[in-house]
């Protein structure tokens, strides 16, 4: 890192084989992962909370689902990437 104008700037790294297809693929995979990690736990949390009015049970199950999905993120990412291959 270099100091420039009282701010930090990072050295540019040379990117090899970065094509527009790879960039678009990474955007789609990242967006898919974000939806997979956020929406199901949110729906589960709201479903439990609105059905039983038990906030603690909804939070525990929703966060539990979220962290299980995070643990499975490499597999999910590979699967999403394989859908977008040529």
N, C-alpha and C. Protein backbone atom coordinates (compact mmCIF):
# COMPACT_ATOMS: atom_id res chain seq x y z
N UNK A 1 0.84 -1.18 0.00
CA UNK A 1 0.00 0.00 0.00
C UNK A 1 0.88 1.24 0.00
N UNK A 2 0.38 2.24 -0.63
CA UNK A 2 1.08 3.50 -0.67
C UNK A 2 0.20 4.58 -0.07
N UNK A 3 0.84 5.52 0.59
CA UNK A 3 0.09 6.68 1.10
C UNK A 3 0.05 7.72 -0.01
N UNK A 4 -1.14 8.19 -0.33
CA UNK A 4 -1.30 9.18 -1.38
C UNK A 4 -2.43 10.10 -0.99
N UNK A 5 -2.17 11.37 -0.88
CA UNK A 5 -3.19 12.37 -0.55
C UNK A 5 -3.93 12.02 0.74
N UNK A 6 -3.19 11.63 1.75
CA UNK A 6 -3.76 11.28 3.05
C UNK A 6 -4.77 10.14 2.98
N UNK A 7 -4.66 9.27 2.02
CA UNK A 7 -5.56 8.12 1.91
C UNK A 7 -4.79 6.90 1.48
N UNK A 8 -5.37 5.78 1.65
CA UNK A 8 -4.72 4.54 1.25
C UNK A 8 -5.15 4.18 -0.16
N UNK A 9 -4.22 3.82 -0.96
CA UNK A 9 -4.54 3.27 -2.27
C UNK A 9 -3.80 1.95 -2.40
N UNK A 10 -4.41 1.04 -3.02
CA UNK A 10 -3.83 -0.28 -3.19
C UNK A 10 -3.17 -0.37 -4.56
N UNK A 11 -2.09 -1.11 -4.59
CA UNK A 11 -1.43 -1.34 -5.86
C UNK A 11 -2.33 -2.17 -6.75
N UNK A 12 -2.32 -1.84 -8.00
CA UNK A 12 -3.13 -2.63 -8.93
C UNK A 12 -2.47 -3.97 -9.14
N UNK A 13 -3.28 -4.98 -9.04
CA UNK A 13 -2.78 -6.33 -9.30
C UNK A 13 -3.08 -6.67 -10.75
N UNK A 14 -2.15 -7.31 -11.37
CA UNK A 14 -2.35 -7.72 -12.74
C UNK A 14 -3.32 -8.89 -12.75
N UNK A 15 -4.41 -8.73 -13.45
CA UNK A 15 -5.39 -9.80 -13.54
C UNK A 15 -5.17 -10.56 -14.84
N UNK A 16 -5.07 -11.84 -14.71
CA UNK A 16 -4.85 -12.66 -15.88
C UNK A 16 -6.15 -13.40 -16.21
N UNK A 17 -6.45 -13.46 -17.47
CA UNK A 17 -7.62 -14.19 -17.97
C UNK A 17 -8.93 -13.64 -17.41
N UNK A 18 -9.00 -12.36 -17.17
CA UNK A 18 -10.26 -11.77 -16.70
C UNK A 18 -11.03 -11.29 -17.92
N UNK A 19 -12.08 -12.03 -18.24
CA UNK A 19 -12.89 -11.68 -19.40
C UNK A 19 -14.24 -11.18 -18.92
N UNK A 20 -14.98 -10.62 -19.84
CA UNK A 20 -16.32 -10.14 -19.48
C UNK A 20 -17.23 -11.31 -19.10
N UNK A 21 -17.00 -12.47 -19.70
CA UNK A 21 -17.80 -13.65 -19.33
C UNK A 21 -17.53 -14.07 -17.89
N UNK A 22 -16.26 -14.07 -17.48
CA UNK A 22 -15.92 -14.44 -16.11
C UNK A 22 -16.48 -13.42 -15.12
N UNK A 23 -16.44 -12.15 -15.50
CA UNK A 23 -16.98 -11.10 -14.64
C UNK A 23 -18.49 -11.26 -14.48
N UNK A 24 -19.20 -11.50 -15.57
CA UNK A 24 -20.65 -11.70 -15.51
C UNK A 24 -21.00 -12.94 -14.70
N UNK A 25 -20.22 -14.00 -14.88
CA UNK A 25 -20.46 -15.23 -14.13
C UNK A 25 -20.29 -15.00 -12.63
N UNK A 26 -19.26 -14.24 -12.26
CA UNK A 26 -19.04 -13.98 -10.83
C UNK A 26 -20.16 -13.14 -10.25
N UNK A 27 -20.70 -12.21 -11.01
CA UNK A 27 -21.83 -11.41 -10.52
C UNK A 27 -23.06 -12.29 -10.31
N UNK A 28 -23.36 -13.17 -11.26
CA UNK A 28 -24.53 -14.04 -11.12
C UNK A 28 -24.38 -15.00 -9.96
N UNK A 29 -23.19 -15.58 -9.81
CA UNK A 29 -22.97 -16.52 -8.71
C UNK A 29 -23.06 -15.80 -7.37
N UNK A 30 -22.48 -14.62 -7.27
CA UNK A 30 -22.53 -13.85 -6.03
C UNK A 30 -23.96 -13.45 -5.68
N UNK A 31 -24.72 -13.04 -6.67
CA UNK A 31 -26.11 -12.68 -6.42
C UNK A 31 -26.94 -13.89 -5.99
N UNK A 32 -26.69 -15.02 -6.63
CA UNK A 32 -27.39 -16.24 -6.25
C UNK A 32 -27.06 -16.67 -4.83
N UNK A 33 -25.78 -16.59 -4.48
CA UNK A 33 -25.37 -16.95 -3.13
C UNK A 33 -26.01 -16.02 -2.10
N UNK A 34 -26.06 -14.73 -2.40
CA UNK A 34 -26.67 -13.78 -1.47
C UNK A 34 -28.14 -14.11 -1.24
N UNK A 35 -28.85 -14.45 -2.30
CA UNK A 35 -30.27 -14.80 -2.15
C UNK A 35 -30.45 -16.11 -1.39
N UNK A 36 -29.60 -17.08 -1.67
CA UNK A 36 -29.71 -18.38 -1.00
C UNK A 36 -29.40 -18.25 0.49
N UNK A 37 -28.43 -17.41 0.84
CA UNK A 37 -28.05 -17.25 2.25
C UNK A 37 -29.03 -16.39 3.02
N UNK A 38 -29.72 -15.47 2.37
CA UNK A 38 -30.57 -14.52 3.10
C UNK A 38 -32.05 -14.88 3.09
N UNK A 39 -32.58 -15.27 1.94
CA UNK A 39 -34.03 -15.42 1.85
C UNK A 39 -34.62 -16.61 2.61
N UNK A 40 -34.09 -17.84 2.47
CA UNK A 40 -34.70 -18.94 3.23
C UNK A 40 -34.66 -18.75 4.74
N UNK A 41 -33.53 -18.32 5.34
CA UNK A 41 -33.57 -18.08 6.79
C UNK A 41 -34.55 -16.99 7.19
N UNK A 42 -34.68 -15.95 6.36
CA UNK A 42 -35.62 -14.88 6.66
C UNK A 42 -37.06 -15.37 6.60
N UNK A 43 -37.38 -16.18 5.61
CA UNK A 43 -38.73 -16.74 5.49
C UNK A 43 -39.03 -17.68 6.66
N UNK A 44 -38.05 -18.49 7.03
CA UNK A 44 -38.23 -19.40 8.17
C UNK A 44 -38.44 -18.61 9.46
N UNK A 45 -37.60 -17.60 9.68
CA UNK A 45 -37.73 -16.76 10.87
C UNK A 45 -39.11 -16.10 10.93
N UNK A 46 -39.52 -15.47 9.84
CA UNK A 46 -40.82 -14.79 9.84
C UNK A 46 -41.97 -15.77 9.96
N UNK A 47 -41.85 -16.94 9.32
CA UNK A 47 -42.91 -17.94 9.42
C UNK A 47 -43.10 -18.43 10.84
N UNK A 48 -42.01 -18.73 11.51
CA UNK A 48 -42.11 -19.20 12.90
C UNK A 48 -42.62 -18.08 13.79
N UNK A 49 -42.08 -16.88 13.61
CA UNK A 49 -42.48 -15.77 14.48
C UNK A 49 -43.96 -15.40 14.28
N UNK A 50 -44.40 -15.31 13.05
CA UNK A 50 -45.79 -14.92 12.80
C UNK A 50 -46.78 -16.02 13.14
N UNK A 51 -46.35 -17.28 13.02
CA UNK A 51 -47.26 -18.39 13.32
C UNK A 51 -47.36 -18.66 14.81
N UNK A 52 -46.23 -18.56 15.52
CA UNK A 52 -46.24 -18.90 16.94
C UNK A 52 -46.07 -17.70 17.86
N UNK A 53 -45.74 -16.54 17.32
CA UNK A 53 -45.40 -15.32 18.07
C UNK A 53 -44.27 -15.57 19.07
N UNK A 54 -43.41 -16.53 18.78
CA UNK A 54 -42.26 -16.82 19.63
C UNK A 54 -41.01 -16.31 18.91
N UNK A 55 -40.55 -15.14 19.34
CA UNK A 55 -39.41 -14.50 18.69
C UNK A 55 -38.14 -15.31 18.84
N UNK A 56 -37.89 -15.84 20.03
CA UNK A 56 -36.65 -16.57 20.30
C UNK A 56 -36.55 -17.82 19.43
N UNK A 57 -37.63 -18.57 19.29
CA UNK A 57 -37.60 -19.78 18.45
C UNK A 57 -37.34 -19.41 16.99
N UNK A 58 -37.97 -18.34 16.52
CA UNK A 58 -37.75 -17.90 15.15
C UNK A 58 -36.32 -17.48 14.90
N UNK A 59 -35.74 -16.76 15.86
CA UNK A 59 -34.35 -16.31 15.73
C UNK A 59 -33.40 -17.49 15.72
N UNK A 60 -33.59 -18.42 16.63
CA UNK A 60 -32.68 -19.58 16.72
C UNK A 60 -32.74 -20.42 15.45
N UNK A 61 -33.92 -20.72 14.98
CA UNK A 61 -34.04 -21.56 13.78
C UNK A 61 -33.57 -20.80 12.54
N UNK A 62 -33.92 -19.51 12.43
CA UNK A 62 -33.49 -18.71 11.28
C UNK A 62 -31.98 -18.56 11.21
N UNK A 63 -31.35 -18.20 12.34
CA UNK A 63 -29.90 -18.08 12.36
C UNK A 63 -29.23 -19.43 12.17
N UNK A 64 -29.80 -20.47 12.74
CA UNK A 64 -29.24 -21.80 12.54
C UNK A 64 -29.23 -22.19 11.08
N UNK A 65 -30.34 -21.94 10.40
CA UNK A 65 -30.43 -22.23 8.97
C UNK A 65 -29.40 -21.41 8.19
N UNK A 66 -29.27 -20.15 8.56
CA UNK A 66 -28.32 -19.26 7.88
C UNK A 66 -26.89 -19.80 8.01
N UNK A 67 -26.49 -20.21 9.20
CA UNK A 67 -25.13 -20.68 9.40
C UNK A 67 -24.89 -22.06 8.80
N UNK A 68 -25.91 -22.89 8.73
CA UNK A 68 -25.76 -24.17 8.03
C UNK A 68 -25.53 -23.91 6.55
N UNK A 69 -26.29 -22.96 5.99
CA UNK A 69 -26.09 -22.62 4.58
C UNK A 69 -24.70 -22.02 4.34
N UNK A 70 -24.21 -21.21 5.27
CA UNK A 70 -22.86 -20.69 5.14
C UNK A 70 -21.82 -21.80 5.17
N UNK A 71 -22.05 -22.81 5.97
CA UNK A 71 -21.14 -23.95 6.01
C UNK A 71 -21.13 -24.73 4.71
N UNK A 72 -22.23 -24.70 4.01
CA UNK A 72 -22.34 -25.41 2.73
C UNK A 72 -22.00 -24.52 1.54
N UNK A 73 -21.52 -23.31 1.79
CA UNK A 73 -21.30 -22.35 0.71
C UNK A 73 -20.33 -22.81 -0.37
N UNK A 74 -19.25 -23.52 -0.06
CA UNK A 74 -18.39 -23.97 -1.17
C UNK A 74 -19.13 -24.89 -2.14
N UNK A 75 -19.91 -25.80 -1.62
CA UNK A 75 -20.67 -26.71 -2.49
C UNK A 75 -21.72 -25.96 -3.29
N UNK A 76 -22.41 -25.03 -2.64
CA UNK A 76 -23.44 -24.26 -3.33
C UNK A 76 -22.81 -23.40 -4.42
N UNK A 77 -21.67 -22.79 -4.13
CA UNK A 77 -20.98 -21.97 -5.12
C UNK A 77 -20.52 -22.79 -6.32
N UNK A 78 -19.98 -23.97 -6.06
CA UNK A 78 -19.57 -24.85 -7.17
C UNK A 78 -20.76 -25.24 -8.03
N UNK A 79 -21.88 -25.54 -7.39
CA UNK A 79 -23.07 -25.94 -8.13
C UNK A 79 -23.60 -24.79 -8.98
N UNK A 80 -23.63 -23.58 -8.42
CA UNK A 80 -24.08 -22.42 -9.19
C UNK A 80 -23.12 -22.12 -10.33
N UNK A 81 -21.83 -22.26 -10.09
CA UNK A 81 -20.84 -22.03 -11.14
C UNK A 81 -20.98 -23.04 -12.27
N UNK A 82 -21.29 -24.28 -11.93
CA UNK A 82 -21.43 -25.30 -12.97
C UNK A 82 -22.64 -25.04 -13.86
N UNK A 83 -23.67 -24.39 -13.34
CA UNK A 83 -24.83 -24.06 -14.18
C UNK A 83 -24.49 -23.02 -15.23
N UNK A 84 -23.50 -22.17 -14.95
CA UNK A 84 -23.18 -21.08 -15.86
C UNK A 84 -22.00 -21.37 -16.76
N UNK A 85 -21.46 -22.58 -16.72
CA UNK A 85 -20.34 -22.93 -17.59
C UNK A 85 -20.82 -23.12 -19.02
N UNK A 86 -19.88 -22.93 -19.93
CA UNK A 86 -20.21 -23.07 -21.37
C UNK A 86 -20.45 -24.49 -21.73
